[in-house]
Amino acid sequence: MATLAVQTIKLGGTAPTYSAAAAGTKIACDERTFLHVKNTAGSSMTVTLTATGQIRGQLVADLVVTVPATTGDVMIGPIPRELFAGPADGLATVTYSSTTNVTVAALRI
C-alpha cells in the first residue's frame, strides 16, 4: 500500500496536489490531518478508515464515509492515532469501494 504524502496548508495559501485513489492507501494519523476525497464518477462510493483503537475494552468501529456521485467532495478527519494507527507502522489504512474517477489528498492544518 502506498502512503499518501501529507501536504501542510500554509497561511499564505496552498494549492493541494491530488492523486488517483488506489485500492488501498495509508495516511499519517494526527489531530490535524484530514483526507480530502473527490469523486467525479457517476456512482457514489465509500471510503473506509480501518479502526484499530479500543475504548474501555471495546473495539472502535471502522469509519465508513459515503462520497456522493459526480460532484462528491468530502473532507474526512481529523484522523486520531488512538483510533486508527496501525500497530506495525502507526499509519491509518484507507480503502475505497471504487477508485474510478476518484482523487485524494492528505492535508494537514
Protein backbone atom coordinates (compact mmCIF):
# COMPACT_ATOMS: atom_id res chain seq x y z
CA MET A 1 0.00 0.00 0.00
CA ALA A 2 1.22 3.45 -0.90
CA THR A 3 1.42 6.15 1.76
CA LEU A 4 -0.12 9.50 0.87
CA ALA A 5 2.26 12.41 1.36
CA VAL A 6 0.72 14.90 3.79
CA GLN A 7 0.55 18.45 2.44
CA THR A 8 0.57 21.25 5.02
CA ILE A 9 -1.89 24.08 4.47
CA LYS A 10 0.01 27.35 4.79
CA LEU A 11 -1.19 30.73 5.98
CA GLY A 12 -0.49 32.29 2.59
CA GLY A 13 -2.47 29.59 0.77
CA THR A 14 -1.92 26.10 -0.53
CA ALA A 15 -2.93 24.54 -3.86
CA PRO A 16 -3.14 20.84 -2.93
CA THR A 17 -1.94 18.14 -5.28
CA TYR A 18 -4.40 15.28 -5.74
CA SER A 19 -3.56 11.76 -6.83
CA ALA A 20 -5.69 8.97 -8.21
CA ALA A 21 -7.10 6.77 -5.48
CA ALA A 22 -5.53 3.32 -5.24
CA ALA A 23 -7.30 0.23 -3.91
CA GLY A 24 -5.72 0.89 -0.53
CA THR A 25 -3.55 3.62 0.89
CA LYS A 26 -2.01 4.66 4.18
CA ILE A 27 -2.11 8.08 5.80
CA ALA A 28 -0.38 9.62 8.79
CA CYS A 29 -2.50 9.81 11.92
CA ASP A 30 -2.72 13.07 13.81
CA GLU A 31 -5.26 15.53 15.16
CA ARG A 32 -4.54 17.98 12.33
CA THR A 33 -4.53 15.60 9.34
CA PHE A 34 -7.51 15.17 7.02
CA LEU A 35 -8.24 13.15 3.90
CA HIS A 36 -9.86 15.07 1.02
CA VAL A 37 -11.72 12.82 -1.43
CA LYS A 38 -13.19 13.93 -4.75
CA ASN A 39 -15.49 11.66 -6.77
CA THR A 40 -16.48 12.58 -10.33
CA ALA A 41 -17.80 9.11 -11.21
CA GLY A 42 -21.48 8.56 -11.95
CA SER A 43 -21.96 6.50 -8.77
CA SER A 44 -21.39 7.23 -5.12
CA MET A 45 -18.57 5.37 -3.39
CA THR A 46 -17.37 4.75 0.14
CA VAL A 47 -14.11 5.42 1.93
CA THR A 48 -13.24 3.23 4.91
CA LEU A 49 -10.67 4.00 7.58
CA THR A 50 -9.81 0.82 9.45
CA ALA A 51 -10.19 1.32 13.19
CA THR A 52 -7.56 -0.18 15.48
CA GLY A 53 -8.46 1.52 18.76
CA GLN A 54 -10.41 0.43 21.78
CA ILE A 55 -12.46 2.38 24.27
CA ARG A 56 -12.90 0.69 27.64
CA GLY A 57 -12.00 -2.65 26.08
CA GLN A 58 -14.49 -2.34 23.21
CA LEU A 59 -13.21 -2.20 19.66
CA VAL A 60 -13.95 1.01 17.81
CA ALA A 61 -15.93 0.57 14.57
CA ASP A 62 -14.34 1.36 11.21
CA LEU A 63 -15.18 4.81 9.88
CA VAL A 64 -17.17 4.50 6.65
CA VAL A 65 -17.91 7.69 4.70
CA THR A 66 -20.05 7.93 1.56
CA VAL A 67 -18.81 10.27 -1.16
CA PRO A 68 -21.64 11.36 -3.49
CA ALA A 69 -21.56 10.79 -7.25
CA THR A 70 -20.50 13.31 -9.91
CA THR A 71 -19.55 16.27 -7.69
CA GLY A 72 -18.68 14.40 -4.50
CA ASP A 73 -16.21 16.38 -2.43
CA VAL A 74 -15.68 15.21 1.16
CA MET A 75 -13.18 16.08 3.89
CA ILE A 76 -12.61 13.22 6.37
CA GLY A 77 -10.89 13.79 9.67
CA PRO A 78 -9.12 14.55 11.80
CA ILE A 79 -7.57 11.08 11.93
CA PRO A 80 -6.54 10.48 15.57
CA ARG A 81 -3.81 7.96 16.38
CA GLU A 82 -5.75 6.38 19.22
CA LEU A 83 -8.50 5.29 16.82
CA PHE A 84 -6.73 4.49 13.54
CA ALA A 85 -2.95 3.97 13.95
CA GLY A 86 -1.81 0.56 12.74
CA PRO A 87 0.22 -1.35 15.33
CA ALA A 88 3.11 -2.05 12.95
CA ASP A 89 3.62 1.33 11.30
CA GLY A 90 1.45 3.89 13.13
CA LEU A 91 -0.38 4.77 9.91
CA ALA A 92 -4.10 4.61 9.16
CA THR A 93 -5.28 2.20 6.47
CA VAL A 94 -7.74 3.63 3.93
CA THR A 95 -9.71 1.62 1.38
CA TYR A 96 -12.08 2.77 -1.35
CA SER A 97 -15.11 0.91 -2.73
CA SER A 98 -14.25 2.34 -6.15
CA THR A 99 -11.21 4.15 -7.49
CA THR A 100 -12.58 5.13 -10.91
CA ASN A 101 -12.60 8.93 -11.21
CA VAL A 102 -11.64 9.31 -7.54
CA THR A 103 -8.78 11.57 -6.41
CA VAL A 104 -7.40 12.09 -2.92
CA ALA A 105 -5.10 14.36 -0.97
CA ALA A 106 -3.81 14.19 2.60
CA LEU A 107 -3.91 17.66 4.14
CA ARG A 108 -2.65 18.97 7.47
CA ILE A 109 -3.82 22.22 9.02
